[in-house]
PDB file of all heavy atoms in Angstrom:
ATOM      1  N   ALA A   1       3.839 155.023  64.887  1.00  0.00           N
ATOM      2  CA  ALA A   1       3.990 155.886  63.765  1.00  0.00           C
ATOM      3  C   ALA A   1       2.662 156.021  62.963  1.00  0.00           C
ATOM      4  O   ALA A   1       2.624 156.748  61.965  1.00  0.00           O
ATOM      5  CB  ALA A   1       5.034 155.315  62.800  1.00  0.00           C
ATOM      6  N   LYS A   2       1.630 155.356  63.394  1.00  0.00           N
ATOM      7  CA  LYS A   2       0.309 155.361  62.737  1.00  0.00           C
ATOM      8  C   LYS A   2       0.391 154.964  61.284  1.00  0.00           C
ATOM      9  O   LYS A   2      -0.060 155.697  60.400  1.00  0.00           O
ATOM     10  CB  LYS A   2      -0.353 156.753  62.876  1.00  0.00           C
ATOM     11  CG  LYS A   2      -0.629 157.138  64.343  1.00  0.00           C
ATOM     12  CD  LYS A   2      -1.414 158.411  64.478  1.00  0.00           C
ATOM     13  CE  LYS A   2      -2.890 158.123  64.208  1.00  0.00           C
ATOM     14  NZ  LYS A   2      -3.742 159.381  64.533  1.00  0.00           N
ATOM     15  N   PRO A   3       0.982 153.812  61.011  1.00  0.00           N
ATOM     16  CA  PRO A   3       1.134 153.362  59.601  1.00  0.00           C
ATOM     17  C   PRO A   3      -0.181 152.881  59.011  1.00  0.00           C
ATOM     18  O   PRO A   3      -1.097 152.487  59.722  1.00  0.00           O
ATOM     19  CB  PRO A   3       2.127 152.224  59.719  1.00  0.00           C
ATOM     20  CG  PRO A   3       1.818 151.625  61.062  1.00  0.00           C
ATOM     21  CD  PRO A   3       1.497 152.775  61.961  1.00  0.00           C
ATOM     22  N   ARG A   4      -0.208 152.865  57.694  1.00  0.00           N
ATOM     23  CA  ARG A   4      -1.311 152.219  56.962  1.00  0.00           C
ATOM     24  C   ARG A   4      -0.847 150.840  56.454  1.00  0.00           C
ATOM     25  O   ARG A   4      -1.670 149.981  56.180  1.00  0.00           O
ATOM     26  CB  ARG A   4      -1.821 153.095  55.836  1.00  0.00           C
ATOM     27  CG  ARG A   4      -2.446 154.365  56.349  1.00  0.00           C
ATOM     28  CD  ARG A   4      -3.084 155.186  55.262  1.00  0.00           C
ATOM     29  NE  ARG A   4      -2.146 155.647  54.278  1.00  0.00           N
ATOM     30  CZ  ARG A   4      -1.272 156.644  54.493  1.00  0.00           C
ATOM     31  NH1 ARG A   4      -1.227 157.277  55.663  1.00  0.00           N
ATOM     32  NH2 ARG A   4      -0.421 157.014  53.515  1.00  0.00           N
ATOM     33  N   LEU A   5       0.475 150.693  56.317  1.00  0.00           N
ATOM     34  CA  LEU A   5       1.084 149.447  55.893  1.00  0.00           C
ATOM     35  C   LEU A   5       2.116 149.041  56.946  1.00  0.00           C
ATOM     36  O   LEU A   5       3.061 149.785  57.162  1.00  0.00           O
ATOM     37  CB  LEU A   5       1.717 149.545  54.540  1.00  0.00           C
ATOM     38  CG  LEU A   5       2.555 148.328  54.043  1.00  0.00           C
ATOM     39  CD1 LEU A   5       1.616 147.114  53.888  1.00  0.00           C
ATOM     40  CD2 LEU A   5       3.254 148.642  52.747  1.00  0.00           C
ATOM     41  N   LEU A   6       1.943 147.861  57.527  1.00  0.00           N
ATOM     42  CA  LEU A   6       2.833 147.332  58.531  1.00  0.00           C
ATOM     43  C   LEU A   6       3.628 146.195  57.906  1.00  0.00           C
ATOM     44  O   LEU A   6       3.056 145.227  57.481  1.00  0.00           O
ATOM     45  CB  LEU A   6       2.092 146.846  59.792  1.00  0.00           C
ATOM     46  CG  LEU A   6       2.961 146.351  60.961  1.00  0.00           C
ATOM     47  CD1 LEU A   6       3.747 147.492  61.589  1.00  0.00           C
ATOM     48  CD2 LEU A   6       2.108 145.657  62.001  1.00  0.00           C
ATOM     49  N   LEU A   7       4.936 146.292  57.940  1.00  0.00           N
ATOM     50  CA  LEU A   7       5.840 145.225  57.457  1.00  0.00           C
ATOM     51  C   LEU A   7       6.341 144.471  58.679  1.00  0.00           C
ATOM     52  O   LEU A   7       7.087 144.983  59.531  1.00  0.00           O
ATOM     53  CB  LEU A   7       7.041 145.817  56.711  1.00  0.00           C
ATOM     54  CG  LEU A   7       6.732 146.817  55.586  1.00  0.00           C
ATOM     55  CD1 LEU A   7       7.969 147.426  54.982  1.00  0.00           C
ATOM     56  CD2 LEU A   7       5.860 146.203  54.514  1.00  0.00           C
ATOM     57  N   LEU A   8       5.919 143.220  58.806  1.00  0.00           N
ATOM     58  CA  LEU A   8       6.109 142.452  60.046  1.00  0.00           C
ATOM     59  C   LEU A   8       7.037 141.268  59.732  1.00  0.00           C
ATOM     60  O   LEU A   8       6.659 140.340  58.989  1.00  0.00           O
ATOM     61  CB  LEU A   8       4.777 141.986  60.559  1.00  0.00           C
ATOM     62  CG  LEU A   8       4.698 141.345  61.933  1.00  0.00           C
ATOM     63  CD1 LEU A   8       5.376 142.140  62.999  1.00  0.00           C
ATOM     64  CD2 LEU A   8       3.242 141.076  62.312  1.00  0.00           C
ATOM     65  N   ASP A   9       8.256 141.296  60.252  1.00  0.00           N
ATOM     66  CA  ASP A   9       9.281 140.346  59.910  1.00  0.00           C
ATOM     67  C   ASP A   9       9.510 139.326  61.036  1.00  0.00           C
ATOM     68  O   ASP A   9      10.059 139.656  62.072  1.00  0.00           O
ATOM     69  CB  ASP A   9      10.591 141.082  59.576  1.00  0.00           C
ATOM     70  CG  ASP A   9      11.588 140.217  58.849  1.00  0.00           C
ATOM     71  OD1 ASP A   9      11.296 139.012  58.625  1.00  0.00           O
ATOM     72  OD2 ASP A   9      12.615 140.762  58.369  1.00  0.00           O
ATOM     73  N   GLU A  10       9.123 138.066  60.767  1.00  0.00           N
ATOM     74  CA  GLU A  10       9.350 136.926  61.661  1.00  0.00           C
ATOM     75  C   GLU A  10       8.906 137.173  63.125  1.00  0.00           C
ATOM     76  O   GLU A  10       9.695 137.102  64.033  1.00  0.00           O
ATOM     77  CB  GLU A  10      10.833 136.533  61.664  1.00  0.00           C
ATOM     78  CG  GLU A  10      11.364 136.106  60.316  1.00  0.00           C
ATOM     79  CD  GLU A  10      10.892 134.720  59.894  1.00  0.00           C
ATOM     80  OE1 GLU A  10      10.036 134.124  60.587  1.00  0.00           O
ATOM     81  OE2 GLU A  10      11.386 134.240  58.863  1.00  0.00           O
ATOM     82  N   PRO A  11       7.632 137.498  63.338  1.00  0.00           N
ATOM     83  CA  PRO A  11       7.179 137.801  64.687  1.00  0.00           C
ATOM     84  C   PRO A  11       7.227 136.635  65.637  1.00  0.00           C
ATOM     85  O   PRO A  11       7.237 136.841  66.848  1.00  0.00           O
ATOM     86  CB  PRO A  11       5.742 138.306  64.470  1.00  0.00           C
ATOM     87  CG  PRO A  11       5.295 137.647  63.201  1.00  0.00           C
ATOM     88  CD  PRO A  11       6.535 137.633  62.345  1.00  0.00           C
ATOM     89  N   SER A  12       7.248 135.392  65.108  1.00  0.00           N
ATOM     90  CA  SER A  12       7.189 134.251  65.983  1.00  0.00           C
ATOM     91  C   SER A  12       8.625 133.760  66.355  1.00  0.00           C
ATOM     92  O   SER A  12       8.740 132.791  67.153  1.00  0.00           O
ATOM     93  CB  SER A  12       6.457 133.089  65.338  1.00  0.00           C
ATOM     94  OG  SER A  12       7.203 132.478  64.307  1.00  0.00           O
ATOM     95  N   MET A  13       9.631 134.341  65.843  1.00  0.00           N
ATOM     96  CA  MET A  13      10.990 133.861  66.033  1.00  0.00           C
ATOM     97  C   MET A  13      11.366 133.748  67.512  1.00  0.00           C
ATOM     98  O   MET A  13      11.361 134.738  68.241  1.00  0.00           O
ATOM     99  CB  MET A  13      12.014 134.726  65.319  1.00  0.00           C
ATOM    100  CG  MET A  13      13.452 134.298  65.437  1.00  0.00           C
ATOM    101  SD  MET A  13      14.637 135.406  64.664  1.00  0.00           S
ATOM    102  CE  MET A  13      14.237 135.071  62.987  1.00  0.00           C
ATOM    103  N   GLY A  14      11.690 132.509  67.928  1.00  0.00           N
ATOM    104  CA  GLY A  14      12.191 132.308  69.300  1.00  0.00           C
ATOM    105  C   GLY A  14      11.129 132.334  70.372  1.00  0.00           C
ATOM    106  O   GLY A  14      11.446 132.332  71.536  1.00  0.00           O
ATOM    107  N   LEU A  15       9.826 132.325  69.992  1.00  0.00           N
ATOM    108  CA  LEU A  15       8.755 132.463  70.995  1.00  0.00           C
ATOM    109  C   LEU A  15       8.098 131.084  71.192  1.00  0.00           C
ATOM    110  O   LEU A  15       8.004 130.263  70.308  1.00  0.00           O
ATOM    111  CB  LEU A  15       7.692 133.454  70.533  1.00  0.00           C
ATOM    112  CG  LEU A  15       8.229 134.889  70.253  1.00  0.00           C
ATOM    113  CD1 LEU A  15       7.006 135.809  69.960  1.00  0.00           C
ATOM    114  CD2 LEU A  15       8.998 135.431  71.457  1.00  0.00           C
ATOM    115  N   ALA A  16       7.543 130.929  72.385  1.00  0.00           N
ATOM    116  CA  ALA A  16       6.784 129.748  72.725  1.00  0.00           C
ATOM    117  C   ALA A  16       5.470 129.728  71.953  1.00  0.00           C
ATOM    118  O   ALA A  16       4.974 130.804  71.584  1.00  0.00           O
ATOM    119  CB  ALA A  16       6.458 129.725  74.222  1.00  0.00           C
ATOM    120  N   PRO A  17       4.950 128.585  71.649  1.00  0.00           N
ATOM    121  CA  PRO A  17       3.723 128.468  70.794  1.00  0.00           C
ATOM    122  C   PRO A  17       2.568 129.354  71.334  1.00  0.00           C
ATOM    123  O   PRO A  17       1.821 129.957  70.543  1.00  0.00           O
ATOM    124  CB  PRO A  17       3.369 126.979  70.857  1.00  0.00           C
ATOM    125  CG  PRO A  17       4.643 126.320  71.036  1.00  0.00           C
ATOM    126  CD  PRO A  17       5.484 127.213  71.931  1.00  0.00           C
ATOM    127  N   MET A  18       2.397 129.441  72.648  1.00  0.00           N
ATOM    128  CA  MET A  18       1.293 130.227  73.205  1.00  0.00           C
ATOM    129  C   MET A  18       1.471 131.703  72.856  1.00  0.00           C
ATOM    130  O   MET A  18       0.528 132.415  72.509  1.00  0.00           O
ATOM    131  CB  MET A  18       1.228 130.073  74.744  1.00  0.00           C
ATOM    132  CG  MET A  18       0.065 130.809  75.390  1.00  0.00           C
ATOM    133  SD  MET A  18       0.035 130.581  77.180  1.00  0.00           S
ATOM    134  CE  MET A  18      -0.129 128.791  77.307  1.00  0.00           C
ATOM    135  N   LEU A  19       2.724 132.202  72.916  1.00  0.00           N
ATOM    136  CA  LEU A  19       3.013 133.579  72.584  1.00  0.00           C
ATOM    137  C   LEU A  19       2.871 133.855  71.084  1.00  0.00           C
ATOM    138  O   LEU A  19       2.390 134.885  70.682  1.00  0.00           O
ATOM    139  CB  LEU A  19       4.424 133.988  73.082  1.00  0.00           C
ATOM    140  CG  LEU A  19       4.537 134.270  74.531  1.00  0.00           C
ATOM    141  CD1 LEU A  19       6.019 134.482  74.863  1.00  0.00           C
ATOM    142  CD2 LEU A  19       3.718 135.477  74.958  1.00  0.00           C
ATOM    143  N   VAL A  20       3.224 132.841  70.282  1.00  0.00           N
ATOM    144  CA  VAL A  20       3.030 132.962  68.815  1.00  0.00           C
ATOM    145  C   VAL A  20       1.555 133.169  68.491  1.00  0.00           C
ATOM    146  O   VAL A  20       1.217 134.070  67.743  1.00  0.00           O
ATOM    147  CB  VAL A  20       3.540 131.750  68.101  1.00  0.00           C
ATOM    148  CG1 VAL A  20       3.191 131.791  66.613  1.00  0.00           C
ATOM    149  CG2 VAL A  20       5.064 131.625  68.327  1.00  0.00           C
ATOM    150  N   GLU A  21       0.722 132.360  69.115  1.00  0.00           N
ATOM    151  CA  GLU A  21      -0.751 132.510  68.910  1.00  0.00           C
ATOM    152  C   GLU A  21      -1.237 133.913  69.306  1.00  0.00           C
ATOM    153  O   GLU A  21      -2.077 134.505  68.652  1.00  0.00           O
ATOM    154  CB  GLU A  21      -1.499 131.421  69.619  1.00  0.00           C
ATOM    155  CG  GLU A  21      -2.978 131.459  69.397  1.00  0.00           C
ATOM    156  CD  GLU A  21      -3.402 131.398  67.955  1.00  0.00           C
ATOM    157  OE1 GLU A  21      -2.748 130.748  67.124  1.00  0.00           O
ATOM    158  OE2 GLU A  21      -4.406 132.111  67.584  1.00  0.00           O
ATOM    159  N   GLN A  22      -0.710 134.370  70.447  1.00  0.00           N
ATOM    160  CA  GLN A  22      -1.149 135.695  70.952  1.00  0.00           C
ATOM    161  C   GLN A  22      -0.715 136.791  69.970  1.00  0.00           C
ATOM    162  O   GLN A  22      -1.481 137.721  69.656  1.00  0.00           O
ATOM    163  CB  GLN A  22      -0.490 135.929  72.330  1.00  0.00           C
ATOM    164  CG  GLN A  22      -0.954 137.249  72.981  1.00  0.00           C
ATOM    165  CD  GLN A  22      -0.362 137.472  74.326  1.00  0.00           C
ATOM    166  OE1 GLN A  22       0.208 136.538  74.915  1.00  0.00           O
ATOM    167  NE2 GLN A  22      -0.506 138.635  74.893  1.00  0.00           N
ATOM    168  N   ILE A  23       0.539 136.716  69.451  1.00  0.00           N
ATOM    169  CA  ILE A  23       0.998 137.709  68.533  1.00  0.00           C
ATOM    170  C   ILE A  23       0.177 137.694  67.214  1.00  0.00           C
ATOM    171  O   ILE A  23      -0.227 138.765  66.707  1.00  0.00           O
ATOM    172  CB  ILE A  23       2.481 137.511  68.186  1.00  0.00           C
ATOM    173  CG1 ILE A  23       3.386 137.716  69.427  1.00  0.00           C
ATOM    174  CG2 ILE A  23       2.922 138.423  67.041  1.00  0.00           C
ATOM    175  CD1 ILE A  23       3.376 139.156  69.923  1.00  0.00           C
ATOM    176  N   LEU A  24      -0.097 136.521  66.713  1.00  0.00           N
ATOM    177  CA  LEU A  24      -0.862 136.409  65.453  1.00  0.00           C
ATOM    178  C   LEU A  24      -2.277 136.750  65.646  1.00  0.00           C
ATOM    179  O   LEU A  24      -2.927 137.333  64.747  1.00  0.00           O
ATOM    180  CB  LEU A  24      -0.697 134.988  64.889  1.00  0.00           C
ATOM    181  CG  LEU A  24       0.674 134.606  64.402  1.00  0.00           C
ATOM    182  CD1 LEU A  24       0.721 133.176  63.914  1.00  0.00           C
ATOM    183  CD2 LEU A  24       1.151 135.555  63.323  1.00  0.00           C
ATOM    184  N   ASP A  25      -2.835 136.540  66.833  1.00  0.00           N
ATOM    185  CA  ASP A  25      -4.200 137.003  67.124  1.00  0.00           C
ATOM    186  C   ASP A  25      -4.235 138.571  67.121  1.00  0.00           C
ATOM    187  O   ASP A  25      -5.212 139.154  66.687  1.00  0.00           O
ATOM    188  CB  ASP A  25      -4.655 136.471  68.498  1.00  0.00           C
ATOM    189  CG  ASP A  25      -6.089 136.869  68.803  1.00  0.00           C
ATOM    190  OD1 ASP A  25      -7.004 136.497  68.012  1.00  0.00           O
ATOM    191  OD2 ASP A  25      -6.313 137.591  69.797  1.00  0.00           O
ATOM    192  N   THR A  26      -3.169 139.169  67.581  1.00  0.00           N
ATOM    193  CA  THR A  26      -3.056 140.607  67.569  1.00  0.00           C
ATOM    194  C   THR A  26      -3.078 141.127  66.124  1.00  0.00           C
ATOM    195  O   THR A  26      -3.692 142.129  65.772  1.00  0.00           O
ATOM    196  CB  THR A  26      -1.809 141.085  68.301  1.00  0.00           C
ATOM    197  OG1 THR A  26      -1.888 140.662  69.663  1.00  0.00           O
ATOM    198  CG2 THR A  26      -1.685 142.597  68.266  1.00  0.00           C
ATOM    199  N   VAL A  27      -2.329 140.378  65.238  1.00  0.00           N
ATOM    200  CA  VAL A  27      -2.289 140.745  63.823  1.00  0.00           C
ATOM    201  C   VAL A  27      -3.758 140.704  63.262  1.00  0.00           C
ATOM    202  O   VAL A  27      -4.140 141.595  62.493  1.00  0.00           O
ATOM    203  CB  VAL A  27      -1.372 139.821  63.057  1.00  0.00           C
ATOM    204  CG1 VAL A  27      -1.477 140.067  61.534  1.00  0.00           C
ATOM    205  CG2 VAL A  27       0.026 139.987  63.492  1.00  0.00           C
ATOM    206  N   ARG A  28      -4.509 139.677  63.607  1.00  0.00           N
ATOM    207  CA  ARG A  28      -5.897 139.621  63.146  1.00  0.00           C
ATOM    208  C   ARG A  28      -6.706 140.817  63.597  1.00  0.00           C
ATOM    209  O   ARG A  28      -7.475 141.404  62.844  1.00  0.00           O
ATOM    210  CB  ARG A  28      -6.556 138.338  63.691  1.00  0.00           C
ATOM    211  CG  ARG A  28      -6.082 137.030  63.159  1.00  0.00           C
ATOM    212  CD  ARG A  28      -6.949 135.899  63.613  1.00  0.00           C
ATOM    213  NE  ARG A  28      -6.342 134.578  63.302  1.00  0.00           N
ATOM    214  CZ  ARG A  28      -5.638 133.879  64.175  1.00  0.00           C
ATOM    215  NH1 ARG A  28      -5.403 134.364  65.408  1.00  0.00           N
ATOM    216  NH2 ARG A  28      -5.175 132.695  63.801  1.00  0.00           N
ATOM    217  N   ARG A  29      -6.528 141.184  64.858  1.00  0.00           N
ATOM    218  CA  ARG A  29      -7.280 142.351  65.423  1.00  0.00           C
ATOM    219  C   ARG A  29      -6.881 143.648  64.731  1.00  0.00           C
ATOM    220  O   ARG A  29      -7.683 144.522  64.510  1.00  0.00           O
ATOM    221  CB  ARG A  29      -7.057 142.421  66.941  1.00  0.00           C
ATOM    222  CG  ARG A  29      -7.824 141.367  67.723  1.00  0.00           C
ATOM    223  CD  ARG A  29      -7.733 141.632  69.218  1.00  0.00           C
ATOM    224  NE  ARG A  29      -6.418 141.241  69.718  1.00  0.00           N
ATOM    225  CZ  ARG A  29      -5.843 141.817  70.743  1.00  0.00           C
ATOM    226  NH1 ARG A  29      -6.419 142.810  71.375  1.00  0.00           N
ATOM    227  NH2 ARG A  29      -4.685 141.401  71.205  1.00  0.00           N
ATOM    228  N   LEU A  30      -5.544 143.761  64.411  1.00  0.00           N
ATOM    229  CA  LEU A  30      -5.117 144.974  63.725  1.00  0.00           C
ATOM    230  C   LEU A  30      -5.729 145.082  62.332  1.00  0.00           C
ATOM    231  O   LEU A  30      -6.058 146.195  61.895  1.00  0.00           O
ATOM    232  CB  LEU A  30      -3.575 144.953  63.595  1.00  0.00           C
ATOM    233  CG  LEU A  30      -2.823 145.150  64.933  1.00  0.00           C
ATOM    234  CD1 LEU A  30      -1.336 144.924  64.740  1.00  0.00           C
ATOM    235  CD2 LEU A  30      -3.081 146.523  65.537  1.00  0.00           C
ATOM    236  N   LYS A  31      -5.906 143.932  61.672  1.00  0.00           N
ATOM    237  CA  LYS A  31      -6.556 143.989  60.383  1.00  0.00           C
ATOM    238  C   LYS A  31      -7.984 144.552  60.477  1.00  0.00           C
ATOM    239  O   LYS A  31      -8.464 145.275  59.609  1.00  0.00           O
ATOM    240  CB  LYS A  31      -6.618 142.631  59.770  1.00  0.00           C
ATOM    241  CG  LYS A  31      -7.232 142.580  58.376  1.00  0.00           C
ATOM    242  CD  LYS A  31      -7.515 141.185  57.858  1.00  0.00           C
ATOM    243  CE  LYS A  31      -8.266 141.274  56.565  1.00  0.00           C
ATOM    244  NZ  LYS A  31      -8.662 139.933  56.039  1.00  0.00           N
ATOM    245  N   GLN A  32      -8.626 144.201  61.584  1.00  0.00           N
ATOM    246  CA  GLN A  32     -10.025 144.636  61.749  1.00  0.00           C
ATOM    247  C   GLN A  32     -10.105 146.167  61.910  1.00  0.00           C
ATOM    248  O   GLN A  32     -11.168 146.756  61.712  1.00  0.00           O
ATOM    249  CB  GLN A  32     -10.647 143.961  62.965  1.00  0.00           C
ATOM    250  CG  GLN A  32     -10.886 142.445  62.771  1.00  0.00           C
ATOM    251  CD  GLN A  32     -11.277 141.738  64.063  1.00  0.00           C
ATOM    252  OE1 GLN A  32     -11.414 142.364  65.126  1.00  0.00           O
ATOM    253  NE2 GLN A  32     -11.498 140.440  63.960  1.00  0.00           N
ATOM    254  N   THR A  33      -9.003 146.792  62.258  1.00  0.00           N
ATOM    255  CA  THR A  33      -8.943 148.242  62.363  1.00  0.00           C
ATOM    256  C   THR A  33      -8.703 148.937  61.009  1.00  0.00           C
ATOM    257  O   THR A  33      -8.630 150.154  60.936  1.00  0.00           O
ATOM    258  CB  THR A  33      -7.873 148.723  63.371  1.00  0.00           C
ATOM    259  OG1 THR A  33      -6.581 148.440  62.823  1.00  0.00           O
ATOM    260  CG2 THR A  33      -8.051 147.994  64.704  1.00  0.00           C
ATOM    261  N   GLY A  34      -8.432 148.116  59.989  1.00  0.00           N
ATOM    262  CA  GLY A  34      -8.119 148.645  58.658  1.00  0.00           C
ATOM    263  C   GLY A  34      -6.659 148.607  58.273  1.00  0.00           C
ATOM    264  O   GLY A  34      -6.345 149.059  57.183  1.00  0.00           O
ATOM    265  N   LEU A  35      -5.831 148.158  59.150  1.00  0.00           N
ATOM    266  CA  LEU A  35      -4.367 148.136  58.890  1.00  0.00           C
ATOM    267  C   LEU A  35      -4.079 147.053  57.852  1.00  0.00           C
ATOM    268  O   LEU A  35      -4.635 145.932  57.868  1.00  0.00           O
ATOM    269  CB  LEU A  35      -3.631 147.835  60.150  1.00  0.00           C
ATOM    270  CG  LEU A  35      -2.094 147.899  60.068  1.00  0.00           C
ATOM    271  CD1 LEU A  35      -1.620 149.337  59.818  1.00  0.00           C
ATOM    272  CD2 LEU A  35      -1.464 147.394  61.382  1.00  0.00           C
ATOM    273  N   THR A  36      -3.187 147.390  56.936  1.00  0.00           N
ATOM    274  CA  THR A  36      -2.684 146.418  55.929  1.00  0.00           C
ATOM    275  C   THR A  36      -1.360 145.833  56.416  1.00  0.00           C
ATOM    276  O   THR A  36      -0.520 146.594  56.924  1.00  0.00           O
ATOM    277  CB  THR A  36      -2.509 147.119  54.576  1.00  0.00           C
ATOM    278  OG1 THR A  36      -3.760 147.742  54.220  1.00  0.00           O
ATOM    279  CG2 THR A  36      -2.068 146.145  53.479  1.00  0.00           C
ATOM    280  N   VAL A  37      -1.176 144.526  56.297  1.00  0.00           N
ATOM    281  CA  VAL A  37       0.030 143.871  56.814  1.00  0.00           C
ATOM    282  C   VAL A  37       0.679 143.047  55.747  1.00  0.00           C
ATOM    283  O   VAL A  37       0.029 142.189  55.083  1.00  0.00           O
ATOM    284  CB  VAL A  37      -0.333 142.981  58.043  1.00  0.00           C
ATOM    285  CG1 VAL A  37       0.902 142.310  58.611  1.00  0.00           C
ATOM    286  CG2 VAL A  37      -1.075 143.806  59.127  1.00  0.00           C
ATOM    287  N   LEU A  38       1.984 143.202  55.592  1.00  0.00           N
ATOM    288  CA  LEU A  38       2.846 142.279  54.803  1.00  0.00           C
ATOM    289  C   LEU A  38       3.691 141.531  55.794  1.00  0.00           C
ATOM    290  O   LEU A  38       4.522 142.105  56.473  1.00  0.00           O
ATOM    291  CB  LEU A  38       3.666 143.059  53.834  1.00  0.00           C
ATOM    292  CG  LEU A  38       4.587 142.237  52.877  1.00  0.00           C
ATOM    293  CD1 LEU A  38       3.753 141.219  52.070  1.00  0.00           C
ATOM    294  CD2 LEU A  38       5.380 143.120  51.936  1.00  0.00           C
ATOM    295  N   LEU A  39       3.445 140.206  55.880  1.00  0.00           N
ATOM    296  CA  LEU A  39       3.966 139.360  56.977  1.00  0.00           C
ATOM    297  C   LEU A  39       4.990 138.371  56.432  1.00  0.00           C
ATOM    298  O   LEU A  39       4.690 137.596  55.524  1.00  0.00           O
ATOM    299  CB  LEU A  39       2.808 138.615  57.628  1.00  0.00           C
ATOM    300  CG  LEU A  39       3.122 137.515  58.593  1.00  0.00           C
ATOM    301  CD1 LEU A  39       3.800 138.059  59.864  1.00  0.00           C
ATOM    302  CD2 LEU A  39       1.851 136.742  58.999  1.00  0.00           C
ATOM    303  N   VAL A  40       6.185 138.430  56.989  1.00  0.00           N
ATOM    304  CA  VAL A  40       7.203 137.398  56.748  1.00  0.00           C
ATOM    305  C   VAL A  40       7.215 136.448  57.912  1.00  0.00           C
ATOM    306  O   VAL A  40       7.311 136.871  59.064  1.00  0.00           O
ATOM    307  CB  VAL A  40       8.594 138.022  56.563  1.00  0.00           C
ATOM    308  CG1 VAL A  40       9.720 136.971  56.705  1.00  0.00           C
ATOM    309  CG2 VAL A  40       8.704 138.684  55.201  1.00  0.00           C
ATOM    310  N   GLU A  41       7.084 135.171  57.640  1.00  0.00           N
ATOM    311  CA  GLU A  41       6.945 134.215  58.729  1.00  0.00           C
ATOM    312  C   GLU A  41       7.332 132.817  58.250  1.00  0.00           C
ATOM    313  O   GLU A  41       6.802 132.301  57.273  1.00  0.00           O
ATOM    314  CB  GLU A  41       5.468 134.189  59.234  1.00  0.00           C
ATOM    315  CG  GLU A  41       5.198 133.195  60.363  1.00  0.00           C
ATOM    316  CD  GLU A  41       6.095 133.386  61.521  1.00  0.00           C
ATOM    317  OE1 GLU A  41       6.014 134.437  62.198  1.00  0.00           O
ATOM    318  OE2 GLU A  41       6.889 132.478  61.815  1.00  0.00           O
ATOM    319  N   GLN A  42       8.329 132.202  58.973  1.00  0.00           N
ATOM    320  CA  GLN A  42       8.718 130.849  58.593  1.00  0.00           C
ATOM    321  C   GLN A  42       7.708 129.818  58.999  1.00  0.00           C
ATOM    322  O   GLN A  42       7.674 128.734  58.410  1.00  0.00           O
ATOM    323  CB  GLN A  42      10.090 130.492  59.231  1.00  0.00           C
ATOM    324  CG  GLN A  42      11.252 131.155  58.528  1.00  0.00           C
ATOM    325  CD  GLN A  42      12.571 130.533  58.934  1.00  0.00           C
ATOM    326  OE1 GLN A  42      12.772 129.309  58.788  1.00  0.00           O
ATOM    327  NE2 GLN A  42      13.460 131.344  59.434  1.00  0.00           N
ATOM    328  N   ASN A  43       6.907 130.080  60.023  1.00  0.00           N
ATOM    329  CA  ASN A  43       5.855 129.191  60.428  1.00  0.00           C
ATOM    330  C   ASN A  43       4.718 129.310  59.395  1.00  0.00           C
ATOM    331  O   ASN A  43       3.785 130.111  59.577  1.00  0.00           O
ATOM    332  CB  ASN A  43       5.387 129.515  61.851  1.00  0.00           C
ATOM    333  CG  ASN A  43       4.374 128.541  62.377  1.00  0.00           C
ATOM    334  OD1 ASN A  43       3.655 127.858  61.618  1.00  0.00           O
ATOM    335  ND2 ASN A  43       4.287 128.413  63.714  1.00  0.00           N
ATOM    336  N   ALA A  44       4.827 128.568  58.293  1.00  0.00           N
ATOM    337  CA  ALA A  44       3.942 128.767  57.192  1.00  0.00           C
ATOM    338  C   ALA A  44       2.454 128.490  57.517  1.00  0.00           C
ATOM    339  O   ALA A  44       1.591 129.231  57.120  1.00  0.00           O
ATOM    340  CB  ALA A  44       4.355 127.860  56.020  1.00  0.00           C
ATOM    341  N   ARG A  45       2.211 127.507  58.322  1.00  0.00           N
ATOM    342  CA  ARG A  45       0.843 127.158  58.710  1.00  0.00           C
ATOM    343  C   ARG A  45       0.205 128.284  59.493  1.00  0.00           C
ATOM    344  O   ARG A  45      -0.937 128.725  59.228  1.00  0.00           O
ATOM    345  CB  ARG A  45       0.815 125.866  59.497  1.00  0.00           C
ATOM    346  CG  ARG A  45      -0.603 125.254  59.607  1.00  0.00           C
ATOM    347  CD  ARG A  45      -0.571 123.960  60.385  1.00  0.00           C
ATOM    348  NE  ARG A  45       0.323 122.956  59.796  1.00  0.00           N
ATOM    349  CZ  ARG A  45      -0.095 122.172  58.756  1.00  0.00           C
ATOM    350  NH1 ARG A  45      -1.294 122.295  58.292  1.00  0.00           N
ATOM    351  NH2 ARG A  45       0.763 121.270  58.271  1.00  0.00           N
TER     352      ARG A  45
END
C-alpha cells in the first residue's frame, strides 16, 4: 500500500527466535528507507 506509517502488531508471535530476529532486522531496514513504525510487541527486550 506504500504506507508512510506502518502499524505492526505482535510480529514475533509464535515464531522461533531465529525468525524473530530476521523479522525485527527487516523492521530496522525499513526504517532506513524512511518508513515510520508503531510496533506492538510482547517481547519487550
